[in-house]
Amino acid sequence: MEKIAADERKVYVELPKFTGRNVKISEIAKATGKDPNYIRIGLQQGFLKFGTAIKMTGSSEYSYFCPDKKVWEETGYFKEPSEKDERVI
């Protein structure tokens, strides 16, 4: 069998089918074994990089956006969207 030079080798990986869905904080917490408040605070303080936390002016509550691709890149977690999730997108 012919040897292949190291720079000619290629790795092919099948990536998940990302939809851009917003992964719920509770889902991320369960997948990572962390408390949901840990996830929320990590997003608010910016040390968790798989999403964003935004606090609107005049509000005391945060809104969170954690796209499925970014969650997968940072944690390795991915779940195929359900029919319900697909209808929302």
N, C-alpha and C. Protein backbone atom coordinates (compact mmCIF):
# COMPACT_ATOMS: atom_id res chain seq x y z
N MET A 1 0.83 -1.18 0.00
CA MET A 1 0.00 0.00 0.00
C MET A 1 0.88 1.25 0.00
N GLU A 2 0.48 2.25 -0.73
CA GLU A 2 1.23 3.48 -0.88
C GLU A 2 1.17 4.32 0.39
N LYS A 3 2.30 4.89 0.79
CA LYS A 3 2.30 5.78 1.95
C LYS A 3 1.86 7.17 1.51
N ILE A 4 1.11 7.82 2.39
CA ILE A 4 0.62 9.17 2.11
C ILE A 4 1.38 10.14 3.01
N ALA A 5 1.90 11.19 2.40
CA ALA A 5 2.63 12.21 3.17
C ALA A 5 1.69 12.84 4.20
N ALA A 6 2.25 13.22 5.33
CA ALA A 6 1.45 13.79 6.43
C ALA A 6 0.63 14.99 5.99
N ASP A 7 1.19 15.82 5.12
CA ASP A 7 0.45 17.01 4.69
C ASP A 7 -0.65 16.68 3.67
N GLU A 8 -0.71 15.45 3.18
CA GLU A 8 -1.74 15.05 2.23
C GLU A 8 -2.89 14.31 2.90
N ARG A 9 -2.74 13.98 4.17
CA ARG A 9 -3.81 13.28 4.88
C ARG A 9 -4.95 14.24 5.17
N LYS A 10 -6.15 13.71 5.10
CA LYS A 10 -7.32 14.52 5.38
C LYS A 10 -8.22 13.76 6.35
N VAL A 11 -8.86 14.49 7.19
CA VAL A 11 -9.81 13.90 8.12
C VAL A 11 -11.19 14.41 7.75
N TYR A 12 -12.10 13.49 7.58
CA TYR A 12 -13.47 13.86 7.26
C TYR A 12 -14.35 13.52 8.45
N VAL A 13 -15.10 14.50 8.89
CA VAL A 13 -15.97 14.33 10.04
C VAL A 13 -17.37 14.76 9.63
N GLU A 14 -18.34 13.95 10.00
CA GLU A 14 -19.72 14.34 9.73
C GLU A 14 -20.19 15.23 10.86
N LEU A 15 -20.53 16.45 10.53
CA LEU A 15 -20.97 17.41 11.54
C LEU A 15 -22.46 17.28 11.79
N PRO A 16 -22.90 17.65 12.98
CA PRO A 16 -24.34 17.65 13.25
C PRO A 16 -25.06 18.62 12.32
N LYS A 17 -26.35 18.42 12.17
CA LYS A 17 -27.17 19.30 11.32
C LYS A 17 -27.66 20.47 12.18
N PHE A 18 -26.90 21.55 12.16
CA PHE A 18 -27.23 22.71 12.97
C PHE A 18 -28.40 23.48 12.35
N THR A 19 -29.25 24.00 13.21
CA THR A 19 -30.41 24.78 12.75
C THR A 19 -30.38 26.20 13.27
N GLY A 20 -29.48 26.48 14.21
CA GLY A 20 -29.46 27.80 14.83
C GLY A 20 -30.44 27.93 15.98
N ARG A 21 -31.02 26.79 16.37
CA ARG A 21 -32.02 26.86 17.45
C ARG A 21 -31.37 27.35 18.74
N ASN A 22 -32.15 28.01 19.55
CA ASN A 22 -31.70 28.49 20.85
C ASN A 22 -31.82 27.34 21.85
N VAL A 23 -30.69 26.83 22.32
CA VAL A 23 -30.69 25.72 23.28
C VAL A 23 -31.05 26.28 24.65
N LYS A 24 -32.01 25.66 25.31
CA LYS A 24 -32.48 26.13 26.60
C LYS A 24 -31.39 26.01 27.66
N ILE A 25 -31.39 26.95 28.59
CA ILE A 25 -30.43 26.93 29.70
C ILE A 25 -30.55 25.63 30.48
N SER A 26 -31.77 25.18 30.73
CA SER A 26 -31.98 23.93 31.49
C SER A 26 -31.40 22.73 30.75
N GLU A 27 -31.48 22.73 29.44
CA GLU A 27 -30.94 21.64 28.62
C GLU A 27 -29.41 21.63 28.68
N ILE A 28 -28.81 22.80 28.59
CA ILE A 28 -27.35 22.91 28.68
C ILE A 28 -26.87 22.49 30.07
N ALA A 29 -27.60 22.92 31.10
CA ALA A 29 -27.23 22.57 32.47
C ALA A 29 -27.26 21.06 32.67
N LYS A 30 -28.30 20.42 32.19
CA LYS A 30 -28.42 18.96 32.33
C LYS A 30 -27.29 18.25 31.58
N ALA A 31 -26.99 18.72 30.37
CA ALA A 31 -25.96 18.08 29.54
C ALA A 31 -24.56 18.24 30.13
N THR A 32 -24.33 19.34 30.82
CA THR A 32 -22.99 19.61 31.36
C THR A 32 -22.86 19.24 32.84
N GLY A 33 -23.98 18.90 33.46
CA GLY A 33 -23.95 18.54 34.88
C GLY A 33 -23.77 19.75 35.79
N LYS A 34 -24.11 20.92 35.29
CA LYS A 34 -24.01 22.15 36.08
C LYS A 34 -25.40 22.65 36.45
N ASP A 35 -25.45 23.48 37.47
CA ASP A 35 -26.70 24.11 37.89
C ASP A 35 -27.10 25.17 36.85
N PRO A 36 -28.39 25.30 36.55
CA PRO A 36 -28.82 26.33 35.59
C PRO A 36 -28.34 27.75 35.97
N ASN A 37 -28.29 28.05 37.27
CA ASN A 37 -27.80 29.37 37.68
C ASN A 37 -26.33 29.56 37.35
N TYR A 38 -25.55 28.50 37.42
CA TYR A 38 -24.14 28.57 37.02
C TYR A 38 -24.04 28.95 35.54
N ILE A 39 -24.87 28.33 34.71
CA ILE A 39 -24.87 28.62 33.27
C ILE A 39 -25.27 30.08 33.05
N ARG A 40 -26.35 30.51 33.69
CA ARG A 40 -26.82 31.90 33.52
C ARG A 40 -25.74 32.91 33.93
N ILE A 41 -25.16 32.72 35.11
CA ILE A 41 -24.14 33.65 35.60
C ILE A 41 -22.90 33.62 34.70
N GLY A 42 -22.52 32.44 34.25
CA GLY A 42 -21.38 32.32 33.34
C GLY A 42 -21.59 33.08 32.04
N LEU A 43 -22.81 33.04 31.52
CA LEU A 43 -23.12 33.80 30.31
C LEU A 43 -23.16 35.30 30.60
N GLN A 44 -23.74 35.67 31.74
CA GLN A 44 -23.80 37.09 32.11
C GLN A 44 -22.40 37.68 32.29
N GLN A 45 -21.51 36.93 32.92
CA GLN A 45 -20.16 37.43 33.19
C GLN A 45 -19.20 37.21 32.02
N GLY A 46 -19.63 36.44 31.03
CA GLY A 46 -18.83 36.26 29.83
C GLY A 46 -17.77 35.18 29.89
N PHE A 47 -17.74 34.37 30.95
CA PHE A 47 -16.72 33.32 30.98
C PHE A 47 -17.20 32.03 30.32
N LEU A 48 -18.48 31.91 30.03
CA LEU A 48 -18.98 30.83 29.18
C LEU A 48 -19.22 31.44 27.81
N LYS A 49 -18.63 30.85 26.79
CA LYS A 49 -18.57 31.47 25.46
C LYS A 49 -19.57 30.92 24.45
N PHE A 50 -20.50 30.07 24.88
CA PHE A 50 -21.41 29.45 23.91
C PHE A 50 -22.72 30.19 23.74
N GLY A 51 -22.82 31.38 24.28
CA GLY A 51 -24.05 32.15 24.14
C GLY A 51 -23.88 33.56 24.65
N THR A 52 -25.00 34.28 24.64
CA THR A 52 -24.98 35.65 25.12
C THR A 52 -26.12 35.87 26.11
N ALA A 53 -25.90 36.80 27.02
CA ALA A 53 -26.91 37.22 27.98
C ALA A 53 -27.08 38.72 27.80
N ILE A 54 -28.32 39.14 27.59
CA ILE A 54 -28.59 40.55 27.37
C ILE A 54 -29.63 41.02 28.38
N LYS A 55 -29.33 42.14 29.02
CA LYS A 55 -30.27 42.76 29.95
C LYS A 55 -30.73 44.06 29.31
N MET A 56 -32.01 44.15 29.05
CA MET A 56 -32.56 45.33 28.41
C MET A 56 -32.64 46.48 29.42
N THR A 57 -32.48 47.69 28.94
CA THR A 57 -32.56 48.87 29.79
C THR A 57 -33.92 48.91 30.49
N GLY A 58 -33.89 49.14 31.78
CA GLY A 58 -35.13 49.24 32.55
C GLY A 58 -35.68 47.91 33.00
N SER A 59 -35.02 46.82 32.66
CA SER A 59 -35.48 45.49 33.04
C SER A 59 -34.51 44.88 34.04
N SER A 60 -35.04 44.01 34.89
CA SER A 60 -34.16 43.32 35.84
C SER A 60 -33.86 41.90 35.37
N GLU A 61 -34.45 41.49 34.25
CA GLU A 61 -34.28 40.13 33.74
C GLU A 61 -33.36 40.11 32.52
N TYR A 62 -32.67 38.98 32.36
CA TYR A 62 -31.80 38.76 31.21
C TYR A 62 -32.50 37.88 30.19
N SER A 63 -32.15 38.07 28.94
CA SER A 63 -32.54 37.16 27.86
C SER A 63 -31.28 36.44 27.42
N TYR A 64 -31.41 35.16 27.08
CA TYR A 64 -30.25 34.34 26.72
C TYR A 64 -30.42 33.79 25.32
N PHE A 65 -29.32 33.78 24.57
CA PHE A 65 -29.31 33.14 23.26
C PHE A 65 -28.10 32.25 23.18
N CYS A 66 -28.35 30.94 23.02
CA CYS A 66 -27.28 29.94 22.94
C CYS A 66 -27.53 29.09 21.69
N PRO A 67 -26.97 29.50 20.54
CA PRO A 67 -27.20 28.74 19.31
C PRO A 67 -26.58 27.35 19.38
N ASP A 68 -27.29 26.39 18.79
CA ASP A 68 -26.87 24.98 18.89
C ASP A 68 -25.44 24.74 18.42
N LYS A 69 -25.00 25.43 17.37
CA LYS A 69 -23.64 25.21 16.86
C LYS A 69 -22.60 25.67 17.87
N LYS A 70 -22.80 26.82 18.47
CA LYS A 70 -21.84 27.35 19.44
C LYS A 70 -21.80 26.48 20.70
N VAL A 71 -22.97 25.99 21.14
CA VAL A 71 -23.01 25.09 22.30
C VAL A 71 -22.21 23.84 22.00
N TRP A 72 -22.38 23.28 20.80
CA TRP A 72 -21.65 22.07 20.40
C TRP A 72 -20.14 22.34 20.34
N GLU A 73 -19.76 23.48 19.75
CA GLU A 73 -18.33 23.80 19.63
C GLU A 73 -17.66 23.93 20.99
N GLU A 74 -18.36 24.49 21.96
CA GLU A 74 -17.77 24.75 23.28
C GLU A 74 -17.92 23.60 24.26
N THR A 75 -18.99 22.80 24.12
CA THR A 75 -19.26 21.74 25.11
C THR A 75 -19.26 20.34 24.53
N GLY A 76 -19.44 20.23 23.21
CA GLY A 76 -19.57 18.91 22.59
C GLY A 76 -20.99 18.37 22.62
N TYR A 77 -21.92 19.13 23.19
CA TYR A 77 -23.31 18.68 23.30
C TYR A 77 -24.10 19.10 22.07
N PHE A 78 -24.86 18.16 21.52
CA PHE A 78 -25.79 18.46 20.43
C PHE A 78 -26.98 17.52 20.51
N LYS A 79 -28.15 18.06 20.28
CA LYS A 79 -29.37 17.27 20.24
C LYS A 79 -30.14 17.69 18.99
N GLU A 80 -30.56 16.69 18.23
CA GLU A 80 -31.38 16.99 17.05
C GLU A 80 -32.63 17.73 17.49
N PRO A 81 -33.03 18.75 16.76
CA PRO A 81 -34.25 19.47 17.15
C PRO A 81 -35.48 18.59 16.98
N SER A 82 -36.42 18.75 17.89
CA SER A 82 -37.68 18.01 17.78
C SER A 82 -38.57 18.72 16.78
N GLU A 83 -39.69 18.09 16.44
CA GLU A 83 -40.65 18.72 15.52
C GLU A 83 -41.10 20.06 16.08
N LYS A 84 -41.32 20.11 17.39
CA LYS A 84 -41.76 21.34 18.05
C LYS A 84 -40.70 22.43 17.86
N ASP A 85 -39.43 22.09 18.04
CA ASP A 85 -38.35 23.06 17.86
C ASP A 85 -38.29 23.55 16.42
N GLU A 86 -38.49 22.67 15.46
CA GLU A 86 -38.42 23.04 14.05
C GLU A 86 -39.54 23.99 13.66
N ARG A 87 -40.71 23.85 14.29
CA ARG A 87 -41.83 24.75 13.98
C ARG A 87 -41.55 26.16 14.48
N VAL A 88 -40.79 26.29 15.56
CA VAL A 88 -40.50 27.59 16.15
C VAL A 88 -39.52 28.37 15.31
N ILE A 89 -38.59 27.68 14.67
CA ILE A 89 -37.51 28.34 13.91
C ILE A 89 -38.04 29.08 12.70
